[in-house]
Amino acid sequence: MERRTIGAGVLVAGAVGLGCMPMSWAYSRSQRRGESSERTVHAALDAGADLLDTADMYGPFTNELLLGRVLARRRAEAFVSTKCGLLVGDSHLVADGRPEYVRRACDASLRRLRTDVIDLYQLHRADPEIPVEETWGAMAELVTAGKVRALGVCALGPGDGPGGGGSSRPGRGGRPAEAPYAAAVRQLARMQQVFPVSAVQAELSVWAPEALELLLPWCRERGTGFLAAMPLGSGFLTGTLTPGQGFEEDDVRARHPRFTAEMMAANQPLVAGLRRVAERHGATPAQVALAWVLAQAPQVVALPGTKRAEWAVENAAAAGLRLTAADLADIAALPPARASWD
């Protein structure tokens, strides 16, 4: 698999990684199977998708434990990325940026992952009650201590919640909204003054391209890696979902404004366009969607999430798909995705 540099040459990983969240969090609890998920991680590593992206809150904690069972045998083959900064409550998430929490959280993640060092440690959410410089400074101390190799941050866009999403909506009184990720870029500048930001993770896909306006250029100018979360639109861009099929109550898509039956039907032209490009290459719509993400900048790493080994292998193969200028023009001409607020 093609290798891509993250953070001014500090780290290198496969162009397509594996988002591990669906194995333990946010999607269809009834479909989670520990042994099956472990096989998926092994399949991803076999295919060269070595960046394994997790977080202590996924489960919570069970996703790191799952990866730890794989890493006990294959640590040298993996690029381990995990996150801190979010605590799971009974029905909500709470940001915690206290330095003492950061230190405890890192030690706990190291134990669960069965490793001596985390390749990329990301701040999941900044704590509004703690200056981000304090949190970031505590994370920088972990690098000095040899527990972490590099630091990253998950960037919030307008309307973002725990599941991500950077879609922009009109401001109050009909005024134009602030550019997507403008606040995130300001926060990144503050963090950069304390310690280098090696990677930024944010949603990027054909149906959520907002990061292209400000966030990806910020990363490109500084040699910062960009980890593209939800590059398959939470499964929609694979073409395997049917409008009106419904989702389990605990599945985040059951409450997402683009996954109502009406909006899934309205956005079918996106999938149809990806399918047309895929037919030219003998590929799948999912592979074209991932190839589009990788074509946006050389430091982009796509992180499609899946619980199934066959899809992890299919996703990894997208790293070898090269879209032509005509392909990219056809995708650019597709109608923008609609949501229930549009």
Protein backbone atom coordinates (compact mmCIF):
# COMPACT_ATOMS: atom_id res chain seq x y z
CA MET A 1 0.00 0.00 0.00
CA GLU A 2 1.06 3.58 -0.66
CA ARG A 3 2.65 5.14 2.41
CA ARG A 4 1.86 8.69 3.49
CA THR A 5 3.71 11.04 5.83
CA ILE A 6 2.00 12.44 8.89
CA GLY A 7 3.40 15.44 10.73
CA ALA A 8 6.36 16.86 8.84
CA GLY A 9 8.01 13.49 8.34
CA VAL A 10 7.67 12.29 11.92
CA LEU A 11 5.30 9.40 11.16
CA VAL A 12 4.40 7.25 8.16
CA ALA A 13 1.29 5.13 7.66
CA GLY A 14 -0.70 3.47 4.91
CA ALA A 15 -2.87 5.79 2.82
CA VAL A 16 -5.99 3.94 4.01
CA GLY A 17 -6.34 3.01 7.66
CA LEU A 18 -9.05 1.43 9.77
CA GLY A 19 -11.56 3.33 11.86
CA CYS A 20 -12.34 1.00 14.75
CA MET A 21 -15.25 2.89 16.34
CA PRO A 22 -18.06 0.87 14.67
CA MET A 23 -16.78 -2.29 16.36
CA SER A 24 -17.69 -0.95 19.81
CA TRP A 25 -19.60 2.33 19.60
CA ALA A 26 -22.28 4.34 17.78
CA TYR A 27 -23.43 1.72 15.25
CA SER A 28 -25.86 -1.23 15.63
CA ARG A 29 -25.03 -2.91 18.92
CA SER A 30 -26.62 -6.19 17.78
CA GLN A 31 -24.01 -6.54 15.02
CA ARG A 32 -20.96 -6.19 17.26
CA ARG A 33 -18.93 -9.36 17.55
CA GLY A 34 -15.58 -9.32 19.33
CA GLU A 35 -14.00 -12.24 17.47
CA SER A 36 -15.28 -11.00 14.12
CA SER A 37 -13.91 -7.53 14.83
CA GLU A 38 -10.52 -8.97 15.73
CA ARG A 39 -10.48 -10.79 12.37
CA THR A 40 -11.27 -7.45 10.73
CA VAL A 41 -8.26 -5.80 12.38
CA HIS A 42 -6.01 -8.68 11.29
CA ALA A 43 -7.37 -8.43 7.73
CA ALA A 44 -6.71 -4.69 7.64
CA LEU A 45 -3.12 -5.17 8.79
CA ASP A 46 -2.61 -7.94 6.23
CA ALA A 47 -3.81 -5.52 3.52
CA GLY A 48 -1.45 -2.74 4.65
CA ALA A 49 -4.10 -0.62 6.41
CA ASP A 50 -1.89 -0.23 9.45
CA LEU A 51 -3.25 2.97 11.01
CA LEU A 52 -5.71 1.72 13.62
CA ASP A 53 -7.80 4.58 14.95
CA THR A 54 -9.56 4.14 18.30
CA ALA A 55 -10.40 6.12 21.46
CA ASP A 56 -10.79 5.37 25.15
CA MET A 57 -14.47 6.39 24.99
CA TYR A 58 -15.37 3.77 22.35
CA GLY A 59 -17.22 1.19 24.39
CA PRO A 60 -16.13 2.88 26.61
CA PHE A 61 -12.72 1.19 26.85
CA THR A 62 -13.72 -2.05 25.10
CA ASN A 63 -12.41 -0.95 21.70
CA GLU A 64 -8.92 -0.39 23.07
CA LEU A 65 -9.09 -3.76 24.81
CA LEU A 66 -10.07 -5.39 21.52
CA LEU A 67 -7.12 -3.80 19.72
CA GLY A 68 -4.85 -4.77 22.57
CA ARG A 69 -5.56 -8.43 21.91
CA VAL A 70 -4.39 -7.98 18.30
CA LEU A 71 -1.44 -5.76 19.20
CA ALA A 72 -0.15 -8.33 21.66
CA ARG A 73 0.90 -10.31 18.59
CA ARG A 74 1.27 -7.66 15.88
CA ARG A 75 2.36 -4.40 17.50
CA ALA A 76 5.32 -3.93 15.16
CA GLU A 77 2.99 -3.95 12.13
CA ALA A 78 0.54 -1.35 13.46
CA PHE A 79 0.35 2.43 13.69
CA VAL A 80 -1.66 3.00 16.85
CA SER A 81 -3.82 6.11 17.20
CA THR A 82 -6.06 6.68 20.19
CA LYS A 83 -7.75 9.65 21.84
CA CYS A 84 -8.53 11.22 25.18
CA GLY A 85 -10.70 14.12 26.31
CA LEU A 86 -14.22 12.72 26.36
CA LEU A 87 -15.92 10.98 29.27
CA VAL A 88 -19.05 8.89 28.75
CA GLY A 89 -21.99 9.68 31.03
CA ASP A 90 -25.36 7.98 31.32
CA SER A 91 -26.80 9.77 28.31
CA HIS A 92 -24.22 12.35 27.30
CA LEU A 93 -20.52 13.02 26.75
CA VAL A 94 -18.43 15.39 28.84
CA ALA A 95 -15.12 16.93 27.78
CA ASP A 96 -12.29 16.70 30.32
CA GLY A 97 -9.09 18.60 29.61
CA ARG A 98 -7.53 18.61 33.07
CA PRO A 99 -3.81 17.78 32.90
CA GLU A 100 -4.14 15.17 35.66
CA TYR A 101 -6.89 13.45 33.69
CA VAL A 102 -4.78 13.44 30.52
CA ARG A 103 -1.92 11.71 32.31
CA ARG A 104 -4.20 9.07 33.85
CA ALA A 105 -6.02 8.50 30.58
CA CYS A 106 -2.79 7.91 28.68
CA ASP A 107 -1.49 5.37 31.19
CA ALA A 108 -4.82 3.54 31.09
CA SER A 109 -4.83 3.45 27.27
CA LEU A 110 -1.29 2.07 27.23
CA ARG A 111 -2.38 -0.77 29.51
CA ARG A 112 -5.48 -1.61 27.50
CA LEU A 113 -3.61 -1.47 24.19
CA ARG A 114 -0.77 -3.61 25.58
CA THR A 115 1.89 -1.29 24.23
CA ASP A 116 4.71 0.84 25.59
CA VAL A 117 4.07 3.77 23.28
CA ILE A 118 1.14 5.31 21.39
CA ASP A 119 2.10 6.46 17.89
CA LEU A 120 -0.47 9.27 17.72
CA TYR A 121 -2.35 10.57 20.76
CA GLN A 122 -5.29 12.79 19.85
CA LEU A 123 -7.34 15.27 21.82
CA HIS A 124 -10.89 14.15 21.15
CA ARG A 125 -12.55 17.36 22.37
CA ALA A 126 -11.24 20.50 24.01
CA ASP A 127 -12.67 21.21 27.46
CA PRO A 128 -14.42 24.62 27.46
CA GLU A 129 -13.58 24.98 31.17
CA ILE A 130 -9.81 24.46 30.71
CA PRO A 131 -7.53 26.57 28.50
CA VAL A 132 -6.59 24.32 25.60
CA GLU A 133 -2.95 25.29 26.11
CA GLU A 134 -2.99 23.54 29.50
CA THR A 135 -4.42 20.34 28.07
CA TRP A 136 -2.07 20.38 25.10
CA GLY A 137 0.89 21.08 27.34
CA ALA A 138 0.06 18.01 29.44
CA MET A 139 -0.14 15.94 26.28
CA ALA A 140 3.22 17.30 25.15
CA GLU A 141 4.72 16.06 28.41
CA LEU A 142 3.69 12.56 27.38
CA VAL A 143 5.85 12.87 24.27
CA THR A 144 8.80 13.97 26.39
CA ALA A 145 8.20 11.00 28.69
CA GLY A 146 8.33 8.60 25.74
CA LYS A 147 4.75 7.40 26.17
CA VAL A 148 3.53 9.06 22.96
CA ARG A 149 5.31 9.68 19.64
CA ALA A 150 3.20 12.56 18.29
CA LEU A 151 0.04 14.54 19.01
CA GLY A 152 -3.11 15.13 17.02
CA VAL A 153 -6.51 16.74 17.50
CA CYS A 154 -10.06 16.09 16.32
CA ALA A 155 -11.36 19.30 14.79
CA LEU A 156 -14.95 20.42 15.23
CA GLY A 157 -16.94 22.04 12.48
CA PRO A 158 -20.27 23.91 12.69
CA GLY A 159 -22.99 21.66 14.01
CA ASP A 160 -20.54 18.99 15.12
CA GLY A 161 -21.48 16.62 17.89
CA PRO A 162 -19.90 13.43 19.18
CA GLY A 163 -20.33 11.76 15.83
CA GLY A 164 -18.71 14.52 13.82
CA GLY A 165 -20.05 16.31 10.75
CA GLY A 166 -18.87 19.67 9.50
CA SER A 167 -21.88 20.89 7.57
CA SER A 168 -22.43 24.63 7.65
CA ARG A 169 -25.85 26.16 8.28
CA PRO A 170 -27.10 29.75 8.14
CA GLY A 171 -26.28 31.95 11.12
CA ARG A 172 -28.79 33.72 13.32
CA GLY A 173 -31.05 36.25 11.73
CA GLY A 174 -30.23 34.90 8.28
CA ARG A 175 -26.62 36.11 8.48
CA PRO A 176 -24.06 33.92 6.72
CA ALA A 177 -22.55 31.31 8.99
CA GLU A 178 -18.88 31.38 9.85
CA ALA A 179 -16.80 29.35 7.42
CA PRO A 180 -16.70 25.66 8.38
CA TYR A 181 -13.86 24.88 10.78
CA ALA A 182 -12.90 28.54 11.24
CA ALA A 183 -13.07 28.16 15.02
CA ALA A 184 -11.07 24.93 14.80
CA VAL A 185 -8.31 26.68 12.84
CA ARG A 186 -8.08 29.40 15.50
CA GLN A 187 -7.79 26.76 18.19
CA LEU A 188 -5.15 24.87 16.23
CA ALA A 189 -3.06 28.03 15.98
CA ARG A 190 -3.10 28.33 19.78
CA MET A 191 -2.10 24.70 20.22
CA GLN A 192 0.68 24.98 17.66
CA GLN A 193 2.31 27.65 19.82
CA VAL A 194 2.66 25.10 22.63
CA PHE A 195 3.66 21.93 20.74
CA PRO A 196 3.48 20.81 17.09
CA VAL A 197 0.18 19.44 15.84
CA SER A 198 1.20 16.37 13.83
CA ALA A 199 -2.29 15.41 12.65
CA VAL A 200 -5.82 16.77 12.46
CA GLN A 201 -8.80 14.46 12.21
CA ALA A 202 -12.08 15.68 10.75
CA GLU A 203 -14.87 14.48 8.53
CA LEU A 204 -14.10 14.56 4.81
CA SER A 205 -16.04 12.84 2.06
CA VAL A 206 -17.82 13.47 -1.20
CA TRP A 207 -20.94 14.40 0.74
CA ALA A 208 -19.11 16.37 3.46
CA PRO A 209 -16.33 18.37 1.74
CA GLU A 210 -16.36 21.35 4.12
CA ALA A 211 -12.85 20.69 5.44
CA LEU A 212 -11.45 21.58 2.00
CA GLU A 213 -12.16 25.28 2.54
CA LEU A 214 -9.97 26.10 5.55
CA LEU A 215 -8.92 23.05 7.51
CA LEU A 216 -7.09 20.98 4.91
CA PRO A 217 -5.21 24.06 3.56
CA TRP A 218 -4.07 24.80 7.14
CA CYS A 219 -2.67 21.28 7.38
CA ARG A 220 -1.09 21.38 3.94
CA GLU A 221 0.76 24.62 4.65
CA ARG A 222 2.33 23.17 7.80
CA GLY A 223 3.03 19.61 6.76
CA THR A 224 0.38 18.41 9.19
CA GLY A 225 -1.29 15.10 8.48
CA PHE A 226 -5.02 15.02 7.82
CA LEU A 227 -6.99 11.99 8.98
CA ALA A 228 -10.22 11.83 7.00
CA ALA A 229 -12.97 10.55 9.29
CA MET A 230 -16.19 9.10 7.87
CA PRO A 231 -14.87 9.13 4.28
CA LEU A 232 -17.73 6.84 3.24
CA GLY A 233 -20.45 9.04 4.69
CA SER A 234 -21.22 6.59 7.51
CA GLY A 235 -21.90 3.93 4.89
CA PHE A 236 -24.13 5.94 2.57
CA LEU A 237 -21.51 6.36 -0.16
CA THR A 238 -20.96 2.60 -0.40
CA GLY A 239 -24.31 2.20 -2.14
CA THR A 240 -25.28 -0.62 0.20
CA LEU A 241 -27.93 1.29 2.16
CA THR A 242 -31.56 1.50 1.06
CA PRO A 243 -33.72 4.61 1.68
CA GLY A 244 -36.20 3.88 4.42
CA GLN A 245 -34.44 0.73 5.62
CA GLY A 246 -34.34 2.04 9.18
CA PHE A 247 -31.60 1.76 11.80
CA GLU A 248 -31.42 0.32 15.27
CA GLU A 249 -32.27 2.76 18.04
CA ASP A 250 -28.67 2.93 19.30
CA ASP A 251 -27.29 3.61 15.81
CA VAL A 252 -26.29 7.29 15.37
CA ARG A 253 -27.73 7.24 11.87
CA ALA A 254 -31.22 6.81 13.34
CA ARG A 255 -30.99 10.47 14.41
CA HIS A 256 -28.82 11.88 11.61
CA PRO A 257 -30.58 14.40 9.33
CA ARG A 258 -29.11 12.81 6.19
CA PHE A 259 -30.38 9.35 7.03
CA THR A 260 -34.11 10.00 6.99
CA ALA A 261 -35.84 8.06 4.23
CA GLU A 262 -36.53 11.33 2.39
CA MET A 263 -32.92 12.52 2.46
CA MET A 264 -31.44 9.14 1.60
CA ALA A 265 -33.66 9.10 -1.48
CA ALA A 266 -32.78 12.70 -2.36
CA ASN A 267 -29.04 11.96 -2.17
CA GLN A 268 -29.08 8.88 -4.39
CA PRO A 269 -27.59 10.90 -7.31
CA LEU A 270 -24.34 11.02 -5.32
CA VAL A 271 -24.17 7.25 -5.14
CA ALA A 272 -25.19 6.90 -8.78
CA GLY A 273 -22.37 9.25 -9.80
CA LEU A 274 -19.80 7.31 -7.80
CA ARG A 275 -21.10 4.08 -9.33
CA ARG A 276 -20.62 5.45 -12.87
CA VAL A 277 -17.00 6.31 -12.12
CA ALA A 278 -16.49 2.95 -10.44
CA GLU A 279 -17.68 1.07 -13.53
CA ARG A 280 -14.90 2.68 -15.57
CA HIS A 281 -12.29 1.25 -13.22
CA GLY A 282 -13.84 -2.08 -12.27
CA ALA A 283 -14.11 -0.74 -8.73
CA THR A 284 -16.86 -0.18 -6.16
CA PRO A 285 -18.53 3.13 -5.22
CA ALA A 286 -16.83 2.89 -1.83
CA GLN A 287 -13.40 2.60 -3.43
CA VAL A 288 -14.08 5.62 -5.64
CA ALA A 289 -15.25 7.63 -2.61
CA LEU A 290 -12.01 6.76 -0.79
CA ALA A 291 -9.86 7.49 -3.84
CA TRP A 292 -11.49 10.91 -4.08
CA VAL A 293 -10.54 11.63 -0.45
CA LEU A 294 -6.94 10.53 -1.05
CA ALA A 295 -6.71 12.73 -4.15
CA GLN A 296 -7.35 15.91 -2.13
CA ALA A 297 -3.80 16.19 -0.71
CA PRO A 298 -0.73 13.95 -0.32
CA GLN A 299 -0.89 13.98 3.48
CA VAL A 300 -4.49 12.77 3.69
CA VAL A 301 -5.04 9.33 5.23
CA ALA A 302 -8.57 7.92 4.90
CA LEU A 303 -10.05 6.20 7.95
CA PRO A 304 -13.10 4.21 6.83
CA GLY A 305 -14.73 2.43 9.74
CA THR A 306 -16.01 -1.12 9.48
CA LYS A 307 -16.69 -4.24 11.52
CA ARG A 308 -16.35 -6.61 8.57
CA ALA A 309 -13.10 -8.08 7.29
CA GLU A 310 -14.16 -8.17 3.62
CA TRP A 311 -14.93 -4.47 3.66
CA ALA A 312 -11.64 -3.65 5.37
CA VAL A 313 -9.85 -5.44 2.51
CA GLU A 314 -11.99 -3.70 -0.12
CA ASN A 315 -11.32 -0.33 1.47
CA ALA A 316 -7.57 -0.94 1.62
CA ALA A 317 -7.51 -1.69 -2.11
CA ALA A 318 -8.80 1.83 -2.80
CA ALA A 319 -5.28 3.12 -2.11
CA GLY A 320 -4.28 1.74 -5.51
CA LEU A 321 -7.10 3.42 -7.43
CA ARG A 322 -6.04 6.53 -9.34
CA LEU A 323 -8.87 8.76 -10.47
CA THR A 324 -8.42 10.66 -13.72
CA ALA A 325 -9.03 14.37 -14.20
CA ALA A 326 -12.30 13.43 -15.92
CA ASP A 327 -13.31 11.28 -12.96
CA LEU A 328 -12.65 14.11 -10.53
CA ALA A 329 -14.55 16.57 -12.74
CA ASP A 330 -17.55 14.25 -12.86
CA ILE A 331 -17.55 13.91 -9.08
CA ALA A 332 -17.20 17.67 -8.65
CA ALA A 333 -20.28 18.14 -10.83
CA LEU A 334 -22.47 15.95 -8.60
CA PRO A 335 -25.14 17.80 -6.60
CA PRO A 336 -24.14 18.63 -3.00
CA ALA A 337 -25.60 16.39 -0.35
CA ARG A 338 -28.85 17.55 1.21
CA ALA A 339 -29.92 17.24 4.82
CA SER A 340 -33.28 17.76 6.49
CA TRP A 341 -32.40 21.39 7.30
CA ASP A 342 -31.56 22.24 3.64
